[in-house]
C-alpha cells in the first residue's frame, strides 16, 4: 500500500510542522524511519524535516531505522550524526538487547529473547519445591 502523500501536504498547508515532536520527542521522520517508509522519508526531507533532531532519549531518525532493521534507509537519514552508535536506548535496556541493537538483525533479538525465556524456566524449576 502506497502512502498518500497528499494528506501530508494538506497537513503542512494547514500549518503542521514536519519537525513537530510528541511527548517523547519523536518526529514524523522518526516514525517513517522506524517503518522504513522511503516515500514518506523522502517527502519529509524535501519539505524541511530535520534528520539531526534527536528524541528525548538521544535517538536520531537514522537510529530509529537501524534499530528497526531498516538499514537500507539509513543512508537517506545520515546527517551530522553519521557514524555514531547508540549505546543504550533507555537506561534499563539489558546488555544483550544493547548488543542486538548495534547489529539489528531481528533474528539476533528473537534468539536472545528465546534464550532468556529458557533461563527463566530453568530458574523457576530449581526454585519450585
N, C-alpha and C. Protein backbone atom coordinates (compact mmCIF):
# COMPACT_ATOMS: atom_id res chain seq x y z
N UNK A 1 0.83 -1.18 0.00
CA UNK A 1 0.00 0.00 0.00
C UNK A 1 0.88 1.24 0.00
N UNK A 2 0.70 2.09 -0.99
CA UNK A 2 1.47 3.32 -1.10
C UNK A 2 0.89 4.39 -0.17
N UNK A 3 1.77 5.15 0.49
CA UNK A 3 1.27 6.21 1.35
C UNK A 3 0.65 7.34 0.52
N UNK A 4 -0.34 7.98 1.08
CA UNK A 4 -0.99 9.11 0.41
C UNK A 4 -0.26 10.38 0.82
N UNK A 5 0.67 10.81 0.00
CA UNK A 5 1.48 11.99 0.31
C UNK A 5 0.65 13.27 0.23
N UNK A 6 -0.50 13.20 -0.43
CA UNK A 6 -1.37 14.37 -0.50
C UNK A 6 -1.86 14.76 0.90
N UNK A 7 -2.10 13.76 1.74
CA UNK A 7 -2.54 14.03 3.10
C UNK A 7 -1.45 14.77 3.87
N UNK A 8 -0.21 14.35 3.70
CA UNK A 8 0.90 15.05 4.34
C UNK A 8 0.95 16.51 3.88
N UNK A 9 0.76 16.72 2.58
CA UNK A 9 0.79 18.09 2.04
C UNK A 9 -0.35 18.92 2.62
N UNK A 10 -1.52 18.31 2.78
CA UNK A 10 -2.65 19.03 3.38
C UNK A 10 -2.35 19.44 4.82
N UNK A 11 -1.71 18.54 5.56
CA UNK A 11 -1.35 18.85 6.95
C UNK A 11 -0.36 20.02 7.01
N UNK A 12 0.64 20.00 6.13
CA UNK A 12 1.62 21.09 6.11
C UNK A 12 0.93 22.39 5.69
N UNK A 13 0.05 22.32 4.69
CA UNK A 13 -0.68 23.51 4.25
C UNK A 13 -1.55 24.09 5.36
N UNK A 14 -2.01 23.21 6.26
CA UNK A 14 -2.85 23.64 7.38
C UNK A 14 -2.03 24.19 8.54
N UNK A 15 -0.69 24.14 8.42
CA UNK A 15 0.17 24.72 9.45
C UNK A 15 0.92 23.73 10.31
N UNK A 16 0.79 22.45 10.04
CA UNK A 16 1.53 21.44 10.82
C UNK A 16 3.01 21.49 10.44
N UNK A 17 3.86 21.32 11.42
CA UNK A 17 5.30 21.31 11.19
C UNK A 17 5.79 19.89 10.94
N UNK A 18 6.68 19.71 9.97
CA UNK A 18 7.26 18.38 9.72
C UNK A 18 8.24 18.01 10.81
N UNK A 19 8.59 18.98 11.68
CA UNK A 19 9.53 18.71 12.77
C UNK A 19 8.85 18.70 14.13
N UNK A 20 7.52 18.62 14.18
CA UNK A 20 6.84 18.58 15.47
C UNK A 20 7.25 17.31 16.21
N UNK A 21 7.33 17.41 17.53
CA UNK A 21 7.73 16.27 18.36
C UNK A 21 6.61 15.93 19.33
N UNK A 22 6.43 14.62 19.56
CA UNK A 22 5.45 14.21 20.56
C UNK A 22 6.09 14.30 21.95
N UNK A 23 5.40 13.84 22.97
CA UNK A 23 5.89 13.96 24.35
C UNK A 23 7.25 13.29 24.55
N UNK A 24 7.55 12.26 23.78
CA UNK A 24 8.83 11.57 23.91
C UNK A 24 9.87 12.11 22.92
N UNK A 25 9.49 13.09 22.13
CA UNK A 25 10.43 13.72 21.22
C UNK A 25 10.51 13.10 19.84
N UNK A 26 9.63 12.13 19.56
CA UNK A 26 9.64 11.51 18.24
C UNK A 26 9.01 12.45 17.22
N UNK A 27 9.60 12.51 16.04
CA UNK A 27 9.09 13.34 14.95
C UNK A 27 8.47 12.43 13.89
N UNK A 28 7.77 13.01 12.91
CA UNK A 28 7.27 12.18 11.81
C UNK A 28 8.40 11.43 11.10
N UNK A 29 9.59 12.04 11.04
CA UNK A 29 10.72 11.38 10.40
C UNK A 29 11.17 10.15 11.19
N UNK A 30 11.13 10.23 12.52
CA UNK A 30 11.43 9.05 13.36
C UNK A 30 10.46 7.92 13.03
N UNK A 31 9.18 8.25 12.93
CA UNK A 31 8.16 7.22 12.69
C UNK A 31 8.29 6.60 11.31
N UNK A 32 8.53 7.44 10.30
CA UNK A 32 8.71 6.91 8.94
C UNK A 32 9.96 6.04 8.88
N UNK A 33 11.01 6.46 9.59
CA UNK A 33 12.26 5.69 9.60
C UNK A 33 12.06 4.34 10.27
N UNK A 34 11.31 4.31 11.36
CA UNK A 34 11.03 3.07 12.07
C UNK A 34 10.30 2.07 11.17
N UNK A 35 9.48 2.58 10.27
CA UNK A 35 8.72 1.72 9.36
C UNK A 35 9.45 1.48 8.03
N UNK A 36 10.58 2.17 7.83
CA UNK A 36 11.32 2.00 6.58
C UNK A 36 10.55 2.55 5.39
N UNK A 37 9.73 3.56 5.61
CA UNK A 37 8.84 4.10 4.58
C UNK A 37 9.58 5.15 3.74
N UNK A 38 10.23 4.70 2.68
CA UNK A 38 11.08 5.56 1.84
C UNK A 38 10.31 6.73 1.21
N UNK A 39 9.12 6.52 0.63
CA UNK A 39 8.41 7.67 0.04
C UNK A 39 8.12 8.78 1.07
N UNK A 40 7.71 8.39 2.26
CA UNK A 40 7.42 9.39 3.30
C UNK A 40 8.71 10.04 3.79
N UNK A 41 9.76 9.25 3.96
CA UNK A 41 11.05 9.82 4.38
C UNK A 41 11.50 10.87 3.37
N UNK A 42 11.47 10.52 2.10
CA UNK A 42 11.89 11.47 1.06
C UNK A 42 11.02 12.72 1.06
N UNK A 43 9.71 12.54 1.18
CA UNK A 43 8.81 13.67 1.19
C UNK A 43 9.11 14.59 2.37
N UNK A 44 9.27 14.00 3.56
CA UNK A 44 9.55 14.81 4.76
C UNK A 44 10.87 15.58 4.60
N UNK A 45 11.90 14.91 4.09
CA UNK A 45 13.19 15.58 3.91
C UNK A 45 13.07 16.72 2.89
N UNK A 46 12.33 16.51 1.82
CA UNK A 46 12.14 17.56 0.81
C UNK A 46 11.36 18.75 1.37
N UNK A 47 10.59 18.52 2.42
CA UNK A 47 9.78 19.58 3.00
C UNK A 47 10.35 20.10 4.32
N UNK A 48 11.64 19.87 4.53
CA UNK A 48 12.33 20.50 5.66
C UNK A 48 12.47 19.70 6.93
N UNK A 49 12.19 18.42 6.91
CA UNK A 49 12.37 17.61 8.13
C UNK A 49 13.84 17.61 8.52
N UNK A 50 14.10 17.73 9.81
CA UNK A 50 15.47 17.78 10.33
C UNK A 50 15.94 16.39 10.70
N UNK A 51 16.86 15.84 9.92
CA UNK A 51 17.39 14.50 10.18
C UNK A 51 18.32 14.47 11.39
N UNK A 52 18.69 15.64 11.91
CA UNK A 52 19.60 15.73 13.05
C UNK A 52 18.88 16.12 14.34
N UNK A 53 17.58 15.88 14.40
CA UNK A 53 16.79 16.20 15.57
C UNK A 53 16.54 14.93 16.38
N UNK A 54 17.22 14.78 17.54
CA UNK A 54 17.03 13.57 18.34
C UNK A 54 15.76 13.65 19.19
N UNK A 55 15.30 12.48 19.65
CA UNK A 55 14.19 12.47 20.59
C UNK A 55 14.73 12.69 22.00
N UNK A 56 13.89 12.56 23.02
CA UNK A 56 14.32 12.81 24.41
C UNK A 56 15.40 11.84 24.88
N UNK A 57 15.51 10.68 24.24
CA UNK A 57 16.49 9.68 24.65
C UNK A 57 17.79 9.80 23.85
N UNK A 58 17.87 10.78 22.95
CA UNK A 58 19.06 10.96 22.14
C UNK A 58 19.08 10.10 20.89
N UNK A 59 17.93 9.58 20.51
CA UNK A 59 17.83 8.71 19.33
C UNK A 59 17.46 9.56 18.12
N UNK A 60 18.25 9.45 17.06
CA UNK A 60 18.01 10.17 15.82
C UNK A 60 17.17 9.31 14.87
N UNK A 61 16.57 9.92 13.85
CA UNK A 61 15.81 9.13 12.88
C UNK A 61 16.63 7.98 12.27
N UNK A 62 17.92 8.22 11.98
CA UNK A 62 18.77 7.15 11.44
C UNK A 62 18.88 5.99 12.42
N UNK A 63 18.93 6.31 13.71
CA UNK A 63 18.99 5.27 14.75
C UNK A 63 17.68 4.48 14.77
N UNK A 64 16.57 5.18 14.62
CA UNK A 64 15.26 4.51 14.61
C UNK A 64 15.19 3.50 13.47
N UNK A 65 15.68 3.90 12.29
CA UNK A 65 15.68 3.00 11.14
C UNK A 65 16.57 1.79 11.40
N UNK A 66 17.77 2.05 11.90
CA UNK A 66 18.73 0.98 12.16
C UNK A 66 18.20 0.01 13.21
N UNK A 67 17.66 0.56 14.30
CA UNK A 67 17.14 -0.28 15.38
C UNK A 67 15.96 -1.13 14.94
N UNK A 68 15.20 -0.64 13.95
CA UNK A 68 14.05 -1.40 13.45
C UNK A 68 14.44 -2.35 12.32
N UNK A 69 15.74 -2.38 11.98
CA UNK A 69 16.20 -3.32 10.95
C UNK A 69 16.12 -2.78 9.54
N UNK A 70 15.92 -1.48 9.38
CA UNK A 70 15.82 -0.87 8.05
C UNK A 70 17.13 -0.17 7.69
N UNK A 71 18.19 -0.95 7.60
CA UNK A 71 19.49 -0.37 7.28
C UNK A 71 19.53 0.23 5.89
N UNK A 72 18.63 -0.20 5.01
CA UNK A 72 18.61 0.34 3.65
C UNK A 72 18.21 1.80 3.61
N UNK A 73 17.47 2.30 4.59
CA UNK A 73 17.07 3.71 4.59
C UNK A 73 18.01 4.59 5.40
N UNK A 74 18.92 4.00 6.15
CA UNK A 74 19.84 4.77 6.99
C UNK A 74 20.64 5.79 6.18
N UNK A 75 21.14 5.46 4.97
CA UNK A 75 21.88 6.48 4.21
C UNK A 75 21.05 7.73 3.90
N UNK A 76 19.75 7.58 3.72
CA UNK A 76 18.90 8.75 3.49
C UNK A 76 18.86 9.66 4.70
N UNK A 77 19.05 9.08 5.87
CA UNK A 77 18.87 9.81 7.12
C UNK A 77 20.17 10.24 7.78
N UNK A 78 21.30 9.79 7.24
CA UNK A 78 22.58 10.13 7.85
C UNK A 78 22.87 11.60 7.62
N UNK A 79 23.14 12.28 8.71
CA UNK A 79 23.48 13.70 8.66
C UNK A 79 24.74 13.91 9.48
N UNK A 80 24.71 14.92 10.33
CA UNK A 80 25.86 15.22 11.17
C UNK A 80 26.13 14.12 12.19
N UNK A 81 25.16 13.26 12.41
CA UNK A 81 25.29 12.20 13.41
C UNK A 81 25.75 10.88 12.81
N UNK A 82 26.16 10.87 11.54
CA UNK A 82 26.55 9.61 10.91
C UNK A 82 27.78 9.02 11.59
N UNK A 83 27.81 7.72 11.67
CA UNK A 83 28.94 7.04 12.27
C UNK A 83 28.81 6.82 13.76
N UNK A 84 27.80 7.39 14.41
CA UNK A 84 27.66 7.16 15.84
C UNK A 84 26.80 5.93 16.08
N UNK A 85 27.04 5.36 17.21
CA UNK A 85 26.26 4.19 17.61
C UNK A 85 25.55 4.53 18.90
N UNK A 86 24.27 4.25 18.96
CA UNK A 86 23.52 4.47 20.20
C UNK A 86 23.84 3.31 21.12
N UNK A 87 24.48 3.61 22.25
CA UNK A 87 24.85 2.53 23.17
C UNK A 87 23.63 1.96 23.88
N UNK A 88 22.75 2.83 24.33
CA UNK A 88 21.55 2.36 25.00
C UNK A 88 20.38 3.23 24.59
N UNK A 89 19.23 2.64 24.53
CA UNK A 89 18.02 3.40 24.21
C UNK A 89 17.44 3.95 25.50
N UNK A 90 17.37 3.14 26.51
CA UNK A 90 16.92 3.58 27.81
C UNK A 90 17.85 2.94 28.84
N UNK A 91 18.01 3.58 30.00
CA UNK A 91 18.98 3.07 30.98
C UNK A 91 18.77 1.63 31.42
N UNK A 92 17.54 1.13 31.41
CA UNK A 92 17.26 -0.23 31.90
C UNK A 92 17.36 -1.29 30.79
N UNK A 93 17.81 -0.92 29.59
CA UNK A 93 17.92 -1.89 28.49
C UNK A 93 19.00 -2.91 28.82
N UNK A 94 18.68 -4.22 28.82
CA UNK A 94 19.67 -5.25 29.14
C UNK A 94 20.82 -5.27 28.11
N UNK A 95 21.99 -5.71 28.54
CA UNK A 95 23.18 -5.72 27.69
C UNK A 95 22.95 -6.50 26.39
N UNK A 96 22.28 -7.66 26.46
CA UNK A 96 22.08 -8.45 25.24
C UNK A 96 21.24 -7.69 24.23
N UNK A 97 20.31 -6.86 24.71
CA UNK A 97 19.49 -6.06 23.80
C UNK A 97 20.30 -4.91 23.22
N UNK A 98 21.18 -4.31 24.04
CA UNK A 98 22.04 -3.23 23.53
C UNK A 98 22.90 -3.75 22.39
N UNK A 99 23.47 -4.95 22.59
CA UNK A 99 24.32 -5.54 21.56
C UNK A 99 23.50 -5.86 20.31
N UNK A 100 22.30 -6.36 20.50
CA UNK A 100 21.46 -6.67 19.35
C UNK A 100 21.09 -5.41 18.58
N UNK A 101 20.90 -4.31 19.28
CA UNK A 101 20.54 -3.06 18.61
C UNK A 101 21.69 -2.51 17.77
N UNK A 102 22.92 -2.84 18.15
CA UNK A 102 24.06 -2.39 17.36
C UNK A 102 24.17 -3.19 16.07
N UNK A 103 23.61 -4.39 16.06
CA UNK A 103 23.55 -5.22 14.86
C UNK A 103 22.10 -5.68 14.75
N UNK A 104 21.25 -4.86 14.15
CA UNK A 104 19.81 -5.03 14.31
C UNK A 104 19.17 -6.17 13.51
N UNK A 105 19.83 -7.27 13.39
CA UNK A 105 19.20 -8.41 12.75
C UNK A 105 18.10 -8.92 13.67
N UNK A 106 16.89 -8.95 13.18
CA UNK A 106 15.76 -9.37 14.01
C UNK A 106 15.98 -10.77 14.58
N UNK A 107 16.68 -11.62 13.84
CA UNK A 107 16.93 -12.98 14.30
C UNK A 107 17.72 -12.97 15.60
N UNK A 108 18.71 -12.06 15.72
CA UNK A 108 19.50 -11.99 16.95
C UNK A 108 18.64 -11.61 18.14
N UNK A 109 17.75 -10.66 17.94
CA UNK A 109 16.89 -10.22 19.03
C UNK A 109 15.95 -11.35 19.43
N UNK A 110 15.38 -12.02 18.45
CA UNK A 110 14.47 -13.13 18.72
C UNK A 110 15.18 -14.25 19.46
N UNK A 111 16.37 -14.61 19.01
CA UNK A 111 17.12 -15.68 19.67
C UNK A 111 17.47 -15.30 21.10
N UNK A 112 17.83 -14.04 21.32
CA UNK A 112 18.16 -13.58 22.66
C UNK A 112 16.97 -13.71 23.59
N UNK A 113 15.79 -13.35 23.11
CA UNK A 113 14.59 -13.45 23.93
C UNK A 113 14.24 -14.91 24.22
N UNK A 114 14.43 -15.80 23.24
CA UNK A 114 14.17 -17.23 23.46
C UNK A 114 15.10 -17.78 24.54
N UNK A 115 16.38 -17.39 24.48
CA UNK A 115 17.34 -17.86 25.47
C UNK A 115 16.95 -17.36 26.86
N UNK A 116 16.50 -16.12 26.94
CA UNK A 116 16.10 -15.55 28.22
C UNK A 116 14.92 -16.33 28.80
N UNK A 117 13.95 -16.66 27.95
CA UNK A 117 12.80 -17.44 28.43
C UNK A 117 13.23 -18.80 28.95
N UNK A 118 14.19 -19.43 28.26
CA UNK A 118 14.70 -20.73 28.69
C UNK A 118 15.39 -20.66 30.05
N UNK A 119 16.16 -19.60 30.27
CA UNK A 119 16.85 -19.41 31.55
C UNK A 119 15.83 -19.19 32.66
N UNK A 120 14.80 -18.39 32.40
CA UNK A 120 13.77 -18.15 33.42
C UNK A 120 13.08 -19.45 33.80
N UNK A 121 12.78 -20.31 32.82
CA UNK A 121 12.12 -21.59 33.11
C UNK A 121 13.01 -22.46 33.98
N UNK A 122 14.31 -22.51 33.68
CA UNK A 122 15.23 -23.32 34.48
C UNK A 122 15.32 -22.80 35.90
N UNK A 123 15.35 -21.49 36.06
CA UNK A 123 15.41 -20.91 37.42
C UNK A 123 14.14 -21.27 38.19
N UNK A 124 13.00 -21.17 37.54
CA UNK A 124 11.73 -21.49 38.22
C UNK A 124 11.69 -22.96 38.62
N UNK A 125 12.22 -23.87 37.79
CA UNK A 125 12.25 -25.28 38.15
C UNK A 125 13.11 -25.52 39.37
N UNK A 126 14.23 -24.85 39.46
CA UNK A 126 15.14 -25.02 40.59
C UNK A 126 14.52 -24.47 41.87
N UNK A 127 13.81 -23.34 41.73
CA UNK A 127 13.26 -22.68 42.91
C UNK A 127 11.93 -23.27 43.37
N UNK A 128 11.25 -24.02 42.51
CA UNK A 128 9.95 -24.60 42.86
C UNK A 128 10.15 -25.87 43.67
N UNK A 129 9.51 -25.93 44.85
CA UNK A 129 9.70 -27.13 45.71
C UNK A 129 8.98 -28.35 45.16
